[in-house]
């Protein structure tokens, strides 16, 4: 013969919740890992990665088509990967000795004439 358990609705609810909770895996924290970012997010992203840029400069770059972007629903949308790649391509060594050497050589040639 089976046992009959007498319980209140609150106790039954707690027992079922505990049983279901024990069977399901713990929910992972949801983190927004999307590659798309709006203007404010991309400015913060660039600053975090060592490329501080102003809002006005970003508007100028987007209007000239110099920075990779898209327009969705009238808003600027950027790809974090593309913008980071673009920012890295815009940097140069502080002391580019080959350029300095060329400049000095050109100056010397002009003076010799």
PDB file of N, CA and C in Angstrom:
ATOM      1  N   UNK A   1       0.827  -1.173   0.000  1.00  0.00           N
ATOM      2  CA  UNK A   1       0.000   0.000   0.000  1.00  0.00           C
ATOM      3  C   UNK A   1       0.879   1.247   0.000  1.00  0.00           C
ATOM      4  N   UNK A   2       0.470   2.265  -0.748  1.00  0.00           N
ATOM      5  CA  UNK A   2       1.232   3.502  -0.846  1.00  0.00           C
ATOM      6  C   UNK A   2       0.927   4.414   0.324  1.00  0.00           C
ATOM      7  N   UNK A   3       1.939   5.233   0.684  1.00  0.00           N
ATOM      8  CA  UNK A   3       1.772   6.161   1.791  1.00  0.00           C
ATOM      9  C   UNK A   3       1.070   7.415   1.294  1.00  0.00           C
ATOM     10  N   UNK A   4       0.181   7.928   2.081  1.00  0.00           N
ATOM     11  CA  UNK A   4      -0.504   9.172   1.762  1.00  0.00           C
ATOM     12  C   UNK A   4       0.118  10.259   2.626  1.00  0.00           C
ATOM     13  N   UNK A   5       0.475  11.353   1.975  1.00  0.00           N
ATOM     14  CA  UNK A   5       1.113  12.465   2.680  1.00  0.00           C
ATOM     15  C   UNK A   5       0.114  13.616   2.731  1.00  0.00           C
ATOM     16  N   UNK A   6      -0.079  14.132   3.893  1.00  0.00           N
ATOM     17  CA  UNK A   6      -0.970  15.278   4.049  1.00  0.00           C
ATOM     18  C   UNK A   6      -0.081  16.499   4.239  1.00  0.00           C
ATOM     19  N   UNK A   7      -0.334  17.559   3.396  1.00  0.00           N
ATOM     20  CA  UNK A   7       0.494  18.750   3.435  1.00  0.00           C
ATOM     21  C   UNK A   7      -0.351  19.969   3.083  1.00  0.00           C
ATOM     22  N   UNK A   8       0.175  21.122   3.388  1.00  0.00           N
ATOM     23  CA  UNK A   8      -0.518  22.360   3.030  1.00  0.00           C
ATOM     24  C   UNK A   8      -0.080  22.771   1.631  1.00  0.00           C
ATOM     25  N   UNK A   9      -0.846  23.632   0.976  1.00  0.00           N
ATOM     26  CA  UNK A   9      -0.453  24.081  -0.367  1.00  0.00           C
ATOM     27  C   UNK A   9       0.924  24.759  -0.393  1.00  0.00           C
ATOM     28  N   UNK A  10       1.251  25.523   0.630  1.00  0.00           N
ATOM     29  CA  UNK A  10       2.560  26.194   0.671  1.00  0.00           C
ATOM     30  C   UNK A  10       3.703  25.184   0.791  1.00  0.00           C
ATOM     31  N   UNK A  11       3.499  24.166   1.623  1.00  0.00           N
ATOM     32  CA  UNK A  11       4.524  23.133   1.767  1.00  0.00           C
ATOM     33  C   UNK A  11       4.680  22.347   0.471  1.00  0.00           C
ATOM     34  N   UNK A  12       3.559  22.048  -0.195  1.00  0.00           N
ATOM     35  CA  UNK A  12       3.601  21.328  -1.464  1.00  0.00           C
ATOM     36  C   UNK A  12       4.345  22.147  -2.526  1.00  0.00           C
ATOM     37  N   UNK A  13       4.038  23.440  -2.562  1.00  0.00           N
ATOM     38  CA  UNK A  13       4.711  24.328  -3.511  1.00  0.00           C
ATOM     39  C   UNK A  13       6.211  24.351  -3.264  1.00  0.00           C
ATOM     40  N   UNK A  14       6.623  24.400  -2.001  1.00  0.00           N
ATOM     41  CA  UNK A  14       8.042  24.419  -1.650  1.00  0.00           C
ATOM     42  C   UNK A  14       8.712  23.093  -2.028  1.00  0.00           C
ATOM     43  N   UNK A  15       8.019  21.979  -1.796  1.00  0.00           N
ATOM     44  CA  UNK A  15       8.574  20.669  -2.140  1.00  0.00           C
ATOM     45  C   UNK A  15       8.760  20.526  -3.656  1.00  0.00           C
ATOM     46  N   UNK A  16       7.766  20.952  -4.418  1.00  0.00           N
ATOM     47  CA  UNK A  16       7.862  20.869  -5.880  1.00  0.00           C
ATOM     48  C   UNK A  16       8.962  21.790  -6.392  1.00  0.00           C
ATOM     49  N   UNK A  17       9.022  23.001  -5.851  1.00  0.00           N
ATOM     50  CA  UNK A  17      10.053  23.959  -6.269  1.00  0.00           C
ATOM     51  C   UNK A  17      11.446  23.399  -5.989  1.00  0.00           C
ATOM     52  N   UNK A  18      11.618  22.806  -4.832  1.00  0.00           N
ATOM     53  CA  UNK A  18      12.914  22.228  -4.472  1.00  0.00           C
ATOM     54  C   UNK A  18      13.279  21.059  -5.384  1.00  0.00           C
ATOM     55  N   UNK A  19      12.301  20.226  -5.692  1.00  0.00           N
ATOM     56  CA  UNK A  19      12.550  19.074  -6.570  1.00  0.00           C
ATOM     57  C   UNK A  19      12.910  19.528  -7.980  1.00  0.00           C
ATOM     58  N   UNK A  20      12.189  20.516  -8.513  1.00  0.00           N
ATOM     59  CA  UNK A  20      12.461  21.010  -9.863  1.00  0.00           C
ATOM     60  C   UNK A  20      13.800  21.744  -9.894  1.00  0.00           C
ATOM     61  N   UNK A  21      14.043  22.523  -8.856  1.00  0.00           N
ATOM     62  CA  UNK A  21      15.304  23.278  -8.794  1.00  0.00           C
ATOM     63  C   UNK A  21      16.500  22.328  -8.757  1.00  0.00           C
ATOM     64  N   UNK A  22      16.352  21.193  -8.098  1.00  0.00           N
ATOM     65  CA  UNK A  22      17.426  20.213  -8.025  1.00  0.00           C
ATOM     66  C   UNK A  22      17.687  19.528  -9.350  1.00  0.00           C
ATOM     67  N   UNK A  23      16.677  19.453 -10.212  1.00  0.00           N
ATOM     68  CA  UNK A  23      16.838  18.792 -11.504  1.00  0.00           C
ATOM     69  C   UNK A  23      17.398  19.703 -12.592  1.00  0.00           C
ATOM     70  N   UNK A  24      17.075  20.974 -12.516  1.00  0.00           N
ATOM     71  CA  UNK A  24      17.516  21.925 -13.546  1.00  0.00           C
ATOM     72  C   UNK A  24      18.916  22.437 -13.247  1.00  0.00           C
ATOM     73  N   UNK A  25      19.701  22.674 -14.289  1.00  0.00           N
ATOM     74  CA  UNK A  25      21.023  23.261 -14.059  1.00  0.00           C
ATOM     75  C   UNK A  25      20.876  24.711 -13.608  1.00  0.00           C
ATOM     76  N   UNK A  26      21.867  25.170 -12.884  1.00  0.00           N
ATOM     77  CA  UNK A  26      21.838  26.552 -12.400  1.00  0.00           C
ATOM     78  C   UNK A  26      21.899  27.502 -13.584  1.00  0.00           C
ATOM     79  N   UNK A  27      21.080  28.552 -13.575  1.00  0.00           N
ATOM     80  CA  UNK A  27      21.103  29.493 -14.703  1.00  0.00           C
ATOM     81  C   UNK A  27      22.416  30.259 -14.733  1.00  0.00           C
ATOM     82  N   UNK A  28      22.989  30.330 -15.906  1.00  0.00           N
ATOM     83  CA  UNK A  28      24.247  31.066 -16.076  1.00  0.00           C
ATOM     84  C   UNK A  28      23.933  32.550 -16.115  1.00  0.00           C
ATOM     85  N   UNK A  29      24.872  33.321 -15.634  1.00  0.00           N
ATOM     86  CA  UNK A  29      24.690  34.765 -15.690  1.00  0.00           C
ATOM     87  C   UNK A  29      24.664  35.199 -17.143  1.00  0.00           C
ATOM     88  N   UNK A  30      23.684  35.982 -17.470  1.00  0.00           N
ATOM     89  CA  UNK A  30      23.566  36.451 -18.845  1.00  0.00           C
ATOM     90  C   UNK A  30      24.415  37.698 -19.010  1.00  0.00           C
ATOM     91  N   UNK A  31      25.360  37.604 -19.907  1.00  0.00           N
ATOM     92  CA  UNK A  31      26.252  38.724 -20.186  1.00  0.00           C
ATOM     93  C   UNK A  31      26.053  39.109 -21.634  1.00  0.00           C
ATOM     94  N   UNK A  32      25.980  40.379 -21.885  1.00  0.00           N
ATOM     95  CA  UNK A  32      25.753  40.855 -23.240  1.00  0.00           C
ATOM     96  C   UNK A  32      27.073  40.846 -24.006  1.00  0.00           C
ATOM     97  N   UNK A  33      27.325  39.737 -24.722  1.00  0.00           N
ATOM     98  CA  UNK A  33      28.568  39.583 -25.468  1.00  0.00           C
ATOM     99  C   UNK A  33      28.376  39.890 -26.946  1.00  0.00           C
ATOM    100  N   UNK A  34      27.396  40.674 -27.263  1.00  0.00           N
ATOM    101  CA  UNK A  34      27.143  40.970 -28.664  1.00  0.00           C
ATOM    102  C   UNK A  34      28.247  41.863 -29.216  1.00  0.00           C
ATOM    103  N   UNK A  35      28.489  41.721 -30.485  1.00  0.00           N
ATOM    104  CA  UNK A  35      29.542  42.493 -31.136  1.00  0.00           C
ATOM    105  C   UNK A  35      29.054  43.904 -31.481  1.00  0.00           C
ATOM    106  N   UNK A  36      27.761  44.087 -31.605  1.00  0.00           N
ATOM    107  CA  UNK A  36      27.202  45.385 -31.997  1.00  0.00           C
ATOM    108  C   UNK A  36      27.203  46.349 -30.816  1.00  0.00           C
ATOM    109  N   UNK A  37      27.455  47.619 -31.114  1.00  0.00           N
ATOM    110  CA  UNK A  37      27.471  48.643 -30.070  1.00  0.00           C
ATOM    111  C   UNK A  37      26.988  49.962 -30.650  1.00  0.00           C
ATOM    112  N   UNK A  38      26.320  50.760 -29.811  1.00  0.00           N
ATOM    113  CA  UNK A  38      25.910  52.092 -30.256  1.00  0.00           C
ATOM    114  C   UNK A  38      27.057  53.078 -30.017  1.00  0.00           C
ATOM    115  N   UNK A  39      26.831  54.338 -30.271  1.00  0.00           N
ATOM    116  CA  UNK A  39      27.897  55.339 -30.192  1.00  0.00           C
ATOM    117  C   UNK A  39      28.476  55.451 -28.785  1.00  0.00           C
ATOM    118  N   UNK A  40      27.614  55.514 -27.776  1.00  0.00           N
ATOM    119  CA  UNK A  40      28.090  55.658 -26.393  1.00  0.00           C
ATOM    120  C   UNK A  40      28.900  54.436 -25.978  1.00  0.00           C
ATOM    121  N   UNK A  41      28.416  53.251 -26.327  1.00  0.00           N
ATOM    122  CA  UNK A  41      29.123  52.015 -25.973  1.00  0.00           C
ATOM    123  C   UNK A  41      30.464  51.914 -26.692  1.00  0.00           C
ATOM    124  N   UNK A  42      30.504  52.324 -27.950  1.00  0.00           N
ATOM    125  CA  UNK A  42      31.761  52.217 -28.705  1.00  0.00           C
ATOM    126  C   UNK A  42      32.784  53.233 -28.200  1.00  0.00           C
ATOM    127  N   UNK A  43      32.335  54.400 -27.747  1.00  0.00           N
ATOM    128  CA  UNK A  43      33.264  55.377 -27.164  1.00  0.00           C
ATOM    129  C   UNK A  43      33.883  54.814 -25.884  1.00  0.00           C
ATOM    130  N   UNK A  44      33.069  54.178 -25.050  1.00  0.00           N
ATOM    131  CA  UNK A  44      33.594  53.559 -23.819  1.00  0.00           C
ATOM    132  C   UNK A  44      34.520  52.399 -24.160  1.00  0.00           C
ATOM    133  N   UNK A  45      34.160  51.610 -25.172  1.00  0.00           N
ATOM    134  CA  UNK A  45      34.975  50.472 -25.595  1.00  0.00           C
ATOM    135  C   UNK A  45      36.342  50.942 -26.098  1.00  0.00           C
ATOM    136  N   UNK A  46      36.351  51.994 -26.916  1.00  0.00           N
ATOM    137  CA  UNK A  46      37.616  52.523 -27.422  1.00  0.00           C
ATOM    138  C   UNK A  46      38.480  53.058 -26.279  1.00  0.00           C
ATOM    139  N   UNK A  47      37.859  53.737 -25.330  1.00  0.00           N
ATOM    140  CA  UNK A  47      38.599  54.283 -24.198  1.00  0.00           C
ATOM    141  C   UNK A  47      39.214  53.156 -23.363  1.00  0.00           C
ATOM    142  N   UNK A  48      38.438  52.076 -23.146  1.00  0.00           N
ATOM    143  CA  UNK A  48      38.950  50.925 -22.387  1.00  0.00           C
ATOM    144  C   UNK A  48      40.147  50.278 -23.075  1.00  0.00           C
ATOM    145  N   UNK A  49      40.179  50.343 -24.400  1.00  0.00           N
ATOM    146  CA  UNK A  49      41.243  49.696 -25.161  1.00  0.00           C
ATOM    147  C   UNK A  49      42.376  50.655 -25.527  1.00  0.00           C
ATOM    148  N   UNK A  50      42.375  51.847 -24.933  1.00  0.00           N
ATOM    149  CA  UNK A  50      43.491  52.767 -25.113  1.00  0.00           C
ATOM    150  C   UNK A  50      43.378  53.689 -26.307  1.00  0.00           C
ATOM    151  N   UNK A  51      42.170  53.864 -26.844  1.00  0.00           N
ATOM    152  CA  UNK A  51      41.952  54.767 -27.975  1.00  0.00           C
ATOM    153  C   UNK A  51      40.872  55.789 -27.625  1.00  0.00           C
ATOM    154  N   UNK A  52      41.151  56.705 -26.692  1.00  0.00           N
ATOM    155  CA  UNK A  52      40.113  57.673 -26.317  1.00  0.00           C
ATOM    156  C   UNK A  52      39.753  58.570 -27.496  1.00  0.00           C
ATOM    157  N   UNK A  53      38.455  58.717 -27.729  1.00  0.00           N
ATOM    158  CA  UNK A  53      37.953  59.489 -28.856  1.00  0.00           C
ATOM    159  C   UNK A  53      36.744  60.282 -28.388  1.00  0.00           C
ATOM    160  N   UNK A  54      36.586  61.479 -28.927  1.00  0.00           N
ATOM    161  CA  UNK A  54      35.439  62.294 -28.543  1.00  0.00           C
ATOM    162  C   UNK A  54      34.225  61.954 -29.399  1.00  0.00           C
ATOM    163  N   UNK A  55      33.071  62.349 -28.906  1.00  0.00           N
ATOM    164  CA  UNK A  55      31.822  62.115 -29.626  1.00  0.00           C
ATOM    165  C   UNK A  55      31.826  62.866 -30.954  1.00  0.00           C
ATOM    166  N   UNK A  56      32.301  64.101 -30.950  1.00  0.00           N
ATOM    167  CA  UNK A  56      32.370  64.900 -32.174  1.00  0.00           C
ATOM    168  C   UNK A  56      33.285  64.281 -33.221  1.00  0.00           C
ATOM    169  N   UNK A  57      34.416  63.756 -32.774  1.00  0.00           N
ATOM    170  CA  UNK A  57      35.357  63.099 -33.685  1.00  0.00           C
ATOM    171  C   UNK A  57      34.706  61.873 -34.321  1.00  0.00           C
ATOM    172  N   UNK A  58      33.928  61.113 -33.526  1.00  0.00           N
ATOM    173  CA  UNK A  58      33.252  59.934 -34.061  1.00  0.00           C
ATOM    174  C   UNK A  58      32.224  60.319 -35.117  1.00  0.00           C
ATOM    175  N   UNK A  59      31.474  61.387 -34.859  1.00  0.00           N
ATOM    176  CA  UNK A  59      30.503  61.840 -35.859  1.00  0.00           C
ATOM    177  C   UNK A  59      31.205  62.276 -37.140  1.00  0.00           C
ATOM    178  N   UNK A  60      32.341  62.952 -36.983  1.00  0.00           N
ATOM    179  CA  UNK A  60      33.106  63.392 -38.149  1.00  0.00           C
ATOM    180  C   UNK A  60      33.624  62.192 -38.943  1.00  0.00           C
ATOM    181  N   UNK A  61      34.142  61.188 -38.244  1.00  0.00           N
ATOM    182  CA  UNK A  61      34.664  59.991 -38.899  1.00  0.00           C
ATOM    183  C   UNK A  61      33.560  59.208 -39.610  1.00  0.00           C
ATOM    184  N   UNK A  62      32.386  59.132 -38.983  1.00  0.00           N
ATOM    185  CA  UNK A  62      31.294  58.387 -39.617  1.00  0.00           C
ATOM    186  C   UNK A  62      30.743  59.135 -40.823  1.00  0.00           C
ATOM    187  N   UNK A  63      30.645  60.460 -40.731  1.00  0.00           N
ATOM    188  CA  UNK A  63      30.107  61.208 -41.874  1.00  0.00           C
ATOM    189  C   UNK A  63      31.057  61.162 -43.060  1.00  0.00           C
ATOM    190  N   UNK A  64      32.357  61.081 -42.790  1.00  0.00           N
ATOM    191  CA  UNK A  64      33.344  60.973 -43.868  1.00  0.00           C
ATOM    192  C   UNK A  64      33.486  59.534 -44.361  1.00  0.00           C
ATOM    193  N   UNK A  65      32.925  58.581 -43.630  1.00  0.00           N
ATOM    194  CA  UNK A  65      33.035  57.180 -44.012  1.00  0.00           C
ATOM    195  C   UNK A  65      34.398  56.590 -43.691  1.00  0.00           C
ATOM    196  N   UNK A  66      35.108  57.208 -42.758  1.00  0.00           N
ATOM    197  CA  UNK A  66      36.459  56.756 -42.422  1.00  0.00           C
ATOM    198  C   UNK A  66      36.483  55.623 -41.405  1.00  0.00           C
ATOM    199  N   UNK A  67      35.402  55.429 -40.672  1.00  0.00           N
ATOM    200  CA  UNK A  67      35.349  54.387 -39.645  1.00  0.00           C
ATOM    201  C   UNK A  67      34.223  53.425 -40.020  1.00  0.00           C
ATOM    202  N   UNK A  68      34.443  52.119 -39.840  1.00  0.00           N
ATOM    203  CA  UNK A  68      33.394  51.159 -40.215  1.00  0.00           C
ATOM    204  C   UNK A  68      32.165  51.301 -39.299  1.00  0.00           C
ATOM    205  N   UNK A  69      31.006  51.490 -39.914  1.00  0.00           N
ATOM    206  CA  UNK A  69      29.763  51.620 -39.161  1.00  0.00           C
ATOM    207  C   UNK A  69      28.574  51.278 -40.049  1.00  0.00           C
ATOM    208  N   UNK A  70      27.434  51.131 -39.418  1.00  0.00           N
ATOM    209  CA  UNK A  70      26.176  50.910 -40.129  1.00  0.00           C
ATOM    210  C   UNK A  70      25.126  51.802 -39.492  1.00  0.00           C
ATOM    211  N   UNK A  71      24.062  52.024 -40.201  1.00  0.00           N
ATOM    212  CA  UNK A  71      22.953  52.781 -39.644  1.00  0.00           C
ATOM    213  C   UNK A  71      21.753  51.850 -39.581  1.00  0.00           C
ATOM    214  N   UNK A  72      21.211  51.679 -38.387  1.00  0.00           N
ATOM    215  CA  UNK A  72      20.044  50.834 -38.194  1.00  0.00           C
ATOM    216  C   UNK A  72      18.972  51.672 -37.507  1.00  0.00           C
ATOM    217  N   UNK A  73      17.845  51.805 -38.164  1.00  0.00           N
ATOM    218  CA  UNK A  73      16.721  52.538 -37.599  1.00  0.00           C
ATOM    219  C   UNK A  73      17.110  53.980 -37.246  1.00  0.00           C
ATOM    220  N   UNK A  74      17.963  54.568 -38.068  1.00  0.00           N
ATOM    221  CA  UNK A  74      18.397  55.949 -37.860  1.00  0.00           C
ATOM    222  C   UNK A  74      19.478  56.119 -36.809  1.00  0.00           C
ATOM    223  N   UNK A  75      19.994  55.043 -36.276  1.00  0.00           N
ATOM    224  CA  UNK A  75      21.032  55.107 -35.236  1.00  0.00           C
ATOM    225  C   UNK A  75      22.325  54.497 -35.762  1.00  0.00           C
ATOM    226  N   UNK A  76      23.449  55.037 -35.285  1.00  0.00           N
ATOM    227  CA  UNK A  76      24.752  54.485 -35.651  1.00  0.00           C
ATOM    228  C   UNK A  76      24.996  53.194 -34.895  1.00  0.00           C
ATOM    229  N   UNK A  77      25.436  52.169 -35.598  1.00  0.00           N
ATOM    230  CA  UNK A  77      25.763  50.876 -34.994  1.00  0.00           C
ATOM    231  C   UNK A  77      27.166  50.503 -35.452  1.00  0.00           C
ATOM    232  N   UNK A  78      27.982  50.077 -34.508  1.00  0.00           N
ATOM    233  CA  UNK A  78      29.369  49.724 -34.785  1.00  0.00           C
ATOM    234  C   UNK A  78      29.621  48.276 -34.407  1.00  0.00           C
ATOM    235  N   UNK A  79      30.564  47.657 -35.079  1.00  0.00           N
ATOM    236  CA  UNK A  79      31.043  46.328 -34.711  1.00  0.00           C
ATOM    237  C   UNK A  79      32.299  46.528 -33.874  1.00  0.00           C
ATOM    238  N   UNK A  80      32.303  45.981 -32.672  1.00  0.00           N
ATOM    239  CA  UNK A  80      33.463  46.165 -31.780  1.00  0.00           C
ATOM    240  C   UNK A  80      34.744  45.649 -32.432  1.00  0.00           C
ATOM    241  N   UNK A  81      34.659  44.477 -33.077  1.00  0.00           N
ATOM    242  CA  UNK A  81      35.843  43.894 -33.714  1.00  0.00           C
ATOM    243  C   UNK A  81      36.356  44.785 -34.842  1.00  0.00           C
ATOM    244  N   UNK A  82      35.445  45.263 -35.683  1.00  0.00           N
ATOM    245  CA  UNK A  82      35.851  46.093 -36.820  1.00  0.00           C
ATOM    246  C   UNK A  82      36.443  47.417 -36.355  1.00  0.00           C
ATOM    247  N   UNK A  83      35.829  48.023 -35.331  1.00  0.00           N
ATOM    248  CA  UNK A  83      36.324  49.317 -34.837  1.00  0.00           C
ATOM    249  C   UNK A  83      37.683  49.155 -34.171  1.00  0.00           C
ATOM    250  N   UNK A  84      37.869  48.074 -33.428  1.00  0.00           N
ATOM    251  CA  UNK A  84      39.168  47.843 -32.788  1.00  0.00           C
ATOM    252  C   UNK A  84      40.245  47.613 -33.840  1.00  0.00           C
ATOM    253  N   UNK A  85      39.904  46.862 -34.876  1.00  0.00           N
ATOM    254  CA  UNK A  85      40.844  46.622 -35.978  1.00  0.00           C
ATOM    255  C   UNK A  85      41.168  47.946 -36.683  1.00  0.00           C
ATOM    256  N   UNK A  86      40.137  48.774 -36.908  1.00  0.00           N
ATOM    257  CA  UNK A  86      40.330  50.081 -37.541  1.00  0.00           C
ATOM    258  C   UNK A  86      41.228  50.965 -36.680  1.00  0.00           C
ATOM    259  N   UNK A  87      40.971  51.011 -35.371  1.00  0.00           N
ATOM    260  CA  UNK A  87      41.758  51.860 -34.470  1.00  0.00           C
ATOM    261  C   UNK A  87      43.219  51.421 -34.469  1.00  0.00           C
ATOM    262  N   UNK A  88      43.455  50.125 -34.469  1.00  0.00           N
ATOM    263  CA  UNK A  88      44.833  49.629 -34.493  1.00  0.00           C
ATOM    264  C   UNK A  88      45.522  50.008 -35.805  1.00  0.00           C
ATOM    265  N   UNK A  89      44.765  50.043 -36.903  1.00  0.00           N
ATOM    266  CA  UNK A  89      45.367  50.395 -38.189  1.00  0.00           C
ATOM    267  C   UNK A  89      45.681  51.892 -38.279  1.00  0.00           C
ATOM    268  N   UNK A  90      45.056  52.694 -37.420  1.00  0.00           N
ATOM    269  CA  UNK A  90      45.286  54.138 -37.445  1.00  0.00           C
ATOM    270  C   UNK A  90      46.492  54.561 -36.625  1.00  0.00           C
ATOM    271  N   UNK A  91      47.037  53.661 -35.837  1.00  0.00           N
ATOM    272  CA  UNK A  91      48.172  54.022 -34.989  1.00  0.00           C
ATOM    273  C   UNK A  91      49.483  53.859 -35.744  1.00  0.00           C
ATOM    274  N   UNK A  92      50.460  54.573 -35.297  1.00  0.00           N
ATOM    275  CA  UNK A  92      51.800  54.458 -35.877  1.00  0.00           C
ATOM    276  C   UNK A  92      52.805  54.601 -34.751  1.00  0.00           C
ATOM    277  N   UNK A  93      54.016  54.169 -34.988  1.00  0.00           N
ATOM    278  CA  UNK A  93      55.062  54.297 -33.985  1.00  0.00           C
ATOM    279  C   UNK A  93      55.351  55.765 -33.743  1.00  0.00           C
ATOM    280  N   UNK A  94      55.650  56.089 -32.515  1.00  0.00           N
ATOM    281  CA  UNK A  94      55.910  57.479 -32.166  1.00  0.00           C
ATOM    282  C   UNK A  94      57.164  58.007 -32.876  1.00  0.00           C
ATOM    283  N   UNK A  95      58.177  57.193 -32.935  1.00  0.00           N
ATOM    284  CA  UNK A  95      59.424  57.590 -33.585  1.00  0.00           C
ATOM    285  C   UNK A  95      59.654  56.678 -34.775  1.00  0.00           C
ATOM    286  N   UNK A  96      59.125  57.063 -35.895  1.00  0.00           N
ATOM    287  CA  UNK A  96      59.322  56.292 -37.114  1.00  0.00           C
ATOM    288  C   UNK A  96      60.596  56.833 -37.764  1.00  0.00           C
ATOM    289  N   UNK A  97      61.704  56.177 -37.464  1.00  0.00           N
ATOM    290  CA  UNK A  97      63.013  56.675 -37.900  1.00  0.00           C
ATOM    291  C   UNK A  97      63.170  56.667 -39.411  1.00  0.00           C
ATOM    292  N   UNK A  98      62.497  55.793 -40.117  1.00  0.00           N
ATOM    293  CA  UNK A  98      62.614  55.789 -41.573  1.00  0.00           C
ATOM    294  C   UNK A  98      62.006  57.074 -42.148  1.00  0.00           C
ATOM    295  N   UNK A  99      60.897  57.530 -41.569  1.00  0.00           N
ATOM    296  CA  UNK A  99      60.276  58.782 -42.035  1.00  0.00           C
ATOM    297  C   UNK A  99      61.159  59.975 -41.678  1.00  0.00           C
ATOM    298  N   UNK A 100      61.757  59.973 -40.504  1.00  0.00           N
ATOM    299  CA  UNK A 100      62.648  61.061 -40.084  1.00  0.00           C
ATOM    300  C   UNK A 100      63.859  61.117 -41.006  1.00  0.00           C
ATOM    301  N   UNK A 101      64.410  59.957 -41.329  1.00  0.00           N
ATOM    302  CA  UNK A 101      65.574  59.886 -42.212  1.00  0.00           C
ATOM    303  C   UNK A 101      65.234  60.452 -43.589  1.00  0.00           C
ATOM    304  N   UNK A 102      64.063  60.087 -44.135  1.00  0.00           N
ATOM    305  CA  UNK A 102      63.646  60.619 -45.440  1.00  0.00           C
ATOM    306  C   UNK A 102      63.494  62.128 -45.411  1.00  0.00           C
ATOM    307  N   UNK A 103      62.920  62.652 -44.335  1.00  0.00           N
ATOM    308  CA  UNK A 103      62.714  64.096 -44.216  1.00  0.00           C
ATOM    309  C   UNK A 103      64.050  64.829 -44.164  1.00  0.00           C
ATOM    310  N   UNK A 104      64.979  64.314 -43.391  1.00  0.00           N
ATOM    311  CA  UNK A 104      66.304  64.942 -43.281  1.00  0.00           C
ATOM    312  C   UNK A 104      67.032  64.869 -44.621  1.00  0.00           C
ATOM    313  N   UNK A 105      66.931  63.741 -45.314  1.00  0.00           N
ATOM    314  CA  UNK A 105      67.590  63.585 -46.610  1.00  0.00           C
ATOM    315  C   UNK A 105      67.008  64.566 -47.625  1.00  0.00           C
ATOM    316  N   UNK A 106      65.678  64.713 -47.660  1.00  0.00           N
ATOM    317  CA  UNK A 106      65.056  65.668 -48.587  1.00  0.00           C
ATOM    318  C   UNK A 106      65.515  67.090 -48.282  1.00  0.00           C
ATOM    319  N   UNK A 107      65.579  67.418 -47.003  1.00  0.00           N
ATOM    320  CA  UNK A 107      65.989  68.756 -46.599  1.00  0.00           C
ATOM    321  C   UNK A 107      67.443  69.006 -47.027  1.00  0.00           C
ATOM    322  N   UNK A 108      68.311  68.018 -46.839  1.00  0.00           N
ATOM    323  CA  UNK A 108      69.719  68.161 -47.223  1.00  0.00           C
ATOM    324  C   UNK A 108      69.852  68.327 -48.736  1.00  0.00           C
ATOM    325  N   UNK A 109      69.066  67.577 -49.509  1.00  0.00           N
ATOM    326  CA  UNK A 109      69.127  67.696 -50.970  1.00  0.00           C
ATOM    327  C   UNK A 109      68.695  69.081 -51.428  1.00  0.00           C
ATOM    328  N   UNK A 110      67.663  69.610 -50.790  1.00  0.00           N
ATOM    329  CA  UNK A 110      67.203  70.963 -51.171  1.00  0.00           C
ATOM    330  C   UNK A 110      68.278  72.007 -50.873  1.00  0.00           C
ATOM    331  N   UNK A 111      68.987  71.851 -49.787  1.00  0.00           N
ATOM    332  CA  UNK A 111      70.009  72.812 -49.416  1.00  0.00           C
ATOM    333  C   UNK A 111      71.234  72.736 -50.323  1.00  0.00           C
ATOM    334  N   UNK A 112      71.493  71.554 -50.882  1.00  0.00           N
ATOM    335  CA  UNK A 112      72.639  71.376 -51.752  1.00  0.00           C
ATOM    336  C   UNK A 112      72.417  72.015 -53.121  1.00  0.00           C
ATOM    337  N   UNK A 113      71.213  72.196 -53.524  1.00  0.00           N
ATOM    338  CA  UNK A 113      70.919  72.736 -54.862  1.00  0.00           C
ATOM    339  C   UNK A 113      71.212  74.184 -54.969  1.00  0.00           C
TER     340      UNK A 113
END
